[in-house]
């Protein structure tokens, strides 16, 4: 019960899609390049991931990656909610 991964392993994508629109966003201009190497600009959730990074809600999982297919545990979800 530690993780909250969907059947396809896309928990971070799903959580990003739910959490990001619920946040209050400061003025924001999308960057010209992707912040995370594993979230290219042509991915549908790219804009939300960039907003989360720009607002210091997430710094990714290390080594300039977001790890969108990793499981989301309760502690990670709580941090997202506290920062957002």
N, C-alpha and C. Protein backbone atom coordinates (compact mmCIF):
# COMPACT_ATOMS: atom_id res chain seq x y z
N UNK A 1 0.81 -1.21 0.00
CA UNK A 1 0.00 0.00 0.00
C UNK A 1 0.84 1.26 0.00
N UNK A 2 2.16 1.12 -0.13
CA UNK A 2 3.02 2.28 -0.09
C UNK A 2 2.89 3.20 -1.29
N UNK A 3 2.64 2.64 -2.48
CA UNK A 3 2.55 3.45 -3.68
C UNK A 3 1.13 3.60 -4.16
N UNK A 4 0.93 4.54 -5.04
CA UNK A 4 -0.39 4.75 -5.62
C UNK A 4 -0.27 4.76 -7.13
N UNK A 5 0.28 3.71 -7.68
CA UNK A 5 0.51 3.64 -9.11
C UNK A 5 -0.70 3.08 -9.83
N UNK A 6 -1.03 3.65 -10.97
CA UNK A 6 -2.08 3.11 -11.81
C UNK A 6 -1.57 1.87 -12.51
N UNK A 7 -2.47 1.13 -13.12
CA UNK A 7 -2.11 -0.12 -13.79
C UNK A 7 -1.03 0.08 -14.85
N UNK A 8 -1.03 1.22 -15.52
CA UNK A 8 -0.04 1.45 -16.57
C UNK A 8 1.25 2.07 -16.03
N UNK A 9 1.36 2.24 -14.72
CA UNK A 9 2.58 2.76 -14.12
C UNK A 9 2.74 4.27 -14.21
N UNK A 10 1.68 4.98 -14.51
CA UNK A 10 1.81 6.42 -14.76
C UNK A 10 1.31 7.27 -13.60
N UNK A 11 1.66 6.91 -12.40
CA UNK A 11 1.15 7.63 -11.23
C UNK A 11 1.54 9.10 -11.23
N UNK A 12 2.82 9.42 -11.52
CA UNK A 12 3.22 10.82 -11.52
C UNK A 12 2.47 11.61 -12.58
N UNK A 13 2.28 11.02 -13.75
CA UNK A 13 1.51 11.72 -14.78
C UNK A 13 0.11 12.00 -14.27
N UNK A 14 -0.53 10.99 -13.72
CA UNK A 14 -1.89 11.16 -13.23
C UNK A 14 -1.96 12.19 -12.12
N UNK A 15 -1.04 12.10 -11.18
CA UNK A 15 -1.05 13.04 -10.07
C UNK A 15 -0.79 14.46 -10.54
N UNK A 16 0.13 14.61 -11.48
CA UNK A 16 0.42 15.93 -12.03
C UNK A 16 -0.82 16.54 -12.67
N UNK A 17 -1.56 15.74 -13.41
CA UNK A 17 -2.75 16.21 -14.09
C UNK A 17 -3.83 16.64 -13.11
N UNK A 18 -3.89 15.99 -11.96
CA UNK A 18 -4.89 16.33 -10.95
C UNK A 18 -4.42 17.51 -10.09
N UNK A 19 -3.18 17.45 -9.62
CA UNK A 19 -2.68 18.44 -8.67
C UNK A 19 -2.37 19.79 -9.31
N UNK A 20 -1.76 19.78 -10.46
CA UNK A 20 -1.30 21.03 -11.06
C UNK A 20 -2.44 22.02 -11.33
N UNK A 21 -3.55 21.60 -11.92
CA UNK A 21 -4.62 22.57 -12.16
C UNK A 21 -5.24 23.12 -10.87
N UNK A 22 -5.07 22.42 -9.77
CA UNK A 22 -5.65 22.86 -8.50
C UNK A 22 -4.82 23.93 -7.81
N UNK A 23 -3.61 24.14 -8.25
CA UNK A 23 -2.70 25.11 -7.63
C UNK A 23 -3.01 26.53 -8.10
N UNK A 24 -2.63 27.49 -7.28
CA UNK A 24 -2.69 28.89 -7.67
C UNK A 24 -1.32 29.24 -8.24
N UNK A 25 -1.29 29.69 -9.48
CA UNK A 25 -0.02 29.89 -10.17
C UNK A 25 0.39 31.35 -10.22
N UNK A 26 1.66 31.63 -9.96
CA UNK A 26 2.18 32.98 -10.18
C UNK A 26 2.34 33.21 -11.68
N UNK A 27 2.65 34.44 -12.05
CA UNK A 27 2.89 34.74 -13.47
C UNK A 27 3.95 33.77 -13.98
N UNK A 28 3.77 33.29 -15.18
CA UNK A 28 4.62 32.21 -15.67
C UNK A 28 4.77 32.29 -17.18
N UNK A 29 5.99 32.11 -17.64
CA UNK A 29 6.28 31.99 -19.07
C UNK A 29 6.94 30.64 -19.28
N UNK A 30 6.40 29.85 -20.18
CA UNK A 30 6.98 28.52 -20.42
C UNK A 30 8.41 28.66 -20.91
N UNK A 31 9.29 27.79 -20.43
CA UNK A 31 10.68 27.84 -20.87
C UNK A 31 10.84 27.39 -22.31
N UNK A 32 11.93 27.77 -22.92
CA UNK A 32 12.20 27.39 -24.32
C UNK A 32 12.67 25.95 -24.43
N UNK A 33 13.17 25.39 -23.34
CA UNK A 33 13.62 24.00 -23.33
C UNK A 33 13.03 23.29 -22.12
N UNK A 34 12.97 21.99 -22.19
CA UNK A 34 12.42 21.18 -21.10
C UNK A 34 13.35 21.20 -19.89
N UNK A 35 12.78 21.30 -18.70
CA UNK A 35 13.54 21.27 -17.46
C UNK A 35 14.06 19.87 -17.16
N UNK A 36 13.23 18.87 -17.44
CA UNK A 36 13.56 17.49 -17.12
C UNK A 36 13.80 16.69 -18.39
N UNK A 37 14.88 15.92 -18.39
CA UNK A 37 15.24 15.13 -19.57
C UNK A 37 14.24 14.05 -19.93
N UNK A 38 13.46 13.59 -18.96
CA UNK A 38 12.50 12.52 -19.24
C UNK A 38 11.08 13.03 -19.44
N UNK A 39 10.92 14.35 -19.59
CA UNK A 39 9.62 14.96 -19.91
C UNK A 39 9.84 15.92 -21.07
N UNK A 40 9.88 15.38 -22.30
CA UNK A 40 10.11 16.24 -23.46
C UNK A 40 8.92 17.17 -23.72
N UNK A 41 9.18 18.23 -24.45
CA UNK A 41 8.18 19.26 -24.70
C UNK A 41 6.96 18.76 -25.47
N UNK A 42 7.08 17.65 -26.18
CA UNK A 42 5.95 17.16 -26.96
C UNK A 42 5.03 16.22 -26.18
N UNK A 43 5.30 16.03 -24.89
CA UNK A 43 4.45 15.20 -24.04
C UNK A 43 3.28 16.05 -23.55
N UNK A 44 2.10 15.50 -23.53
CA UNK A 44 0.90 16.25 -23.16
C UNK A 44 0.94 16.91 -21.80
N UNK A 45 1.61 16.32 -20.84
CA UNK A 45 1.66 16.86 -19.48
C UNK A 45 2.84 17.80 -19.26
N UNK A 46 3.62 18.06 -20.29
CA UNK A 46 4.84 18.85 -20.15
C UNK A 46 4.58 20.21 -19.48
N UNK A 47 3.57 20.91 -19.93
CA UNK A 47 3.30 22.24 -19.40
C UNK A 47 3.03 22.21 -17.90
N UNK A 48 2.26 21.23 -17.43
CA UNK A 48 1.97 21.12 -16.01
C UNK A 48 3.22 20.79 -15.21
N UNK A 49 4.04 19.89 -15.72
CA UNK A 49 5.29 19.53 -15.04
C UNK A 49 6.19 20.76 -14.94
N UNK A 50 6.27 21.54 -16.01
CA UNK A 50 7.08 22.76 -16.00
C UNK A 50 6.57 23.77 -14.98
N UNK A 51 5.27 23.91 -14.88
CA UNK A 51 4.70 24.84 -13.89
C UNK A 51 5.03 24.39 -12.47
N UNK A 52 4.94 23.10 -12.21
CA UNK A 52 5.28 22.58 -10.89
C UNK A 52 6.75 22.85 -10.56
N UNK A 53 7.62 22.66 -11.53
CA UNK A 53 9.05 22.91 -11.31
C UNK A 53 9.32 24.40 -11.12
N UNK A 54 8.70 25.23 -11.95
CA UNK A 54 8.89 26.68 -11.87
C UNK A 54 8.42 27.25 -10.54
N UNK A 55 7.41 26.64 -9.96
CA UNK A 55 6.86 27.10 -8.69
C UNK A 55 7.52 26.44 -7.48
N UNK A 56 8.58 25.71 -7.70
CA UNK A 56 9.33 24.96 -6.67
C UNK A 56 8.46 23.98 -5.89
N UNK A 57 7.42 23.48 -6.54
CA UNK A 57 6.61 22.43 -5.93
C UNK A 57 7.32 21.10 -6.09
N UNK A 58 8.07 20.95 -7.17
CA UNK A 58 8.88 19.75 -7.36
C UNK A 58 10.23 20.12 -7.95
N UNK A 59 11.21 19.33 -7.61
CA UNK A 59 12.54 19.45 -8.22
C UNK A 59 12.85 18.18 -9.00
N UNK A 60 11.84 17.34 -9.15
CA UNK A 60 12.04 16.08 -9.86
C UNK A 60 12.62 15.02 -8.94
N UNK A 61 13.19 14.00 -9.54
CA UNK A 61 13.70 12.86 -8.77
C UNK A 61 15.22 12.81 -8.75
N UNK A 62 15.87 13.80 -9.33
CA UNK A 62 17.33 13.84 -9.35
C UNK A 62 17.88 13.69 -10.75
N UNK A 63 19.10 14.11 -10.94
CA UNK A 63 19.80 14.00 -12.24
C UNK A 63 18.99 14.61 -13.38
N UNK A 64 18.33 15.74 -13.12
CA UNK A 64 17.53 16.45 -14.14
C UNK A 64 16.41 15.59 -14.71
N UNK A 65 15.83 14.73 -13.91
CA UNK A 65 14.70 13.90 -14.32
C UNK A 65 13.51 14.13 -13.41
N UNK A 66 12.32 13.87 -13.94
CA UNK A 66 11.07 13.96 -13.19
C UNK A 66 10.59 12.58 -12.77
N UNK A 67 10.99 11.54 -13.50
CA UNK A 67 10.59 10.15 -13.23
C UNK A 67 9.07 9.98 -13.26
N UNK A 68 8.45 10.34 -14.39
CA UNK A 68 6.99 10.32 -14.47
C UNK A 68 6.35 8.94 -14.34
N UNK A 69 7.10 7.88 -14.53
CA UNK A 69 6.52 6.54 -14.43
C UNK A 69 6.78 5.89 -13.08
N UNK A 70 7.40 6.61 -12.16
CA UNK A 70 7.66 6.08 -10.82
C UNK A 70 6.39 6.13 -9.97
N UNK A 71 6.35 5.26 -8.98
CA UNK A 71 5.23 5.27 -8.04
C UNK A 71 5.27 6.53 -7.20
N UNK A 72 4.11 6.96 -6.76
CA UNK A 72 3.98 8.11 -5.87
C UNK A 72 3.58 7.57 -4.50
N UNK A 73 4.43 7.78 -3.50
CA UNK A 73 4.03 7.31 -2.17
C UNK A 73 3.32 8.44 -1.42
N UNK A 74 2.77 8.13 -0.28
CA UNK A 74 1.98 9.12 0.47
C UNK A 74 2.82 10.32 0.90
N UNK A 75 4.05 10.08 1.29
CA UNK A 75 4.92 11.19 1.71
C UNK A 75 5.17 12.15 0.56
N UNK A 76 5.44 11.62 -0.63
CA UNK A 76 5.66 12.47 -1.80
C UNK A 76 4.40 13.26 -2.14
N UNK A 77 3.25 12.61 -2.07
CA UNK A 77 2.00 13.29 -2.36
C UNK A 77 1.75 14.39 -1.34
N UNK A 78 2.05 14.13 -0.08
CA UNK A 78 1.86 15.14 0.96
C UNK A 78 2.74 16.37 0.71
N UNK A 79 3.98 16.16 0.28
CA UNK A 79 4.88 17.27 -0.03
C UNK A 79 4.31 18.11 -1.17
N UNK A 80 3.83 17.46 -2.21
CA UNK A 80 3.21 18.18 -3.32
C UNK A 80 2.07 19.06 -2.81
N UNK A 81 1.21 18.50 -2.00
CA UNK A 81 0.05 19.23 -1.51
C UNK A 81 0.45 20.39 -0.59
N UNK A 82 1.45 20.18 0.25
CA UNK A 82 1.92 21.25 1.13
C UNK A 82 2.53 22.41 0.36
N UNK A 83 3.31 22.09 -0.65
CA UNK A 83 3.97 23.14 -1.43
C UNK A 83 3.02 23.84 -2.39
N UNK A 84 1.98 23.15 -2.81
CA UNK A 84 1.06 23.70 -3.79
C UNK A 84 0.03 24.56 -3.15
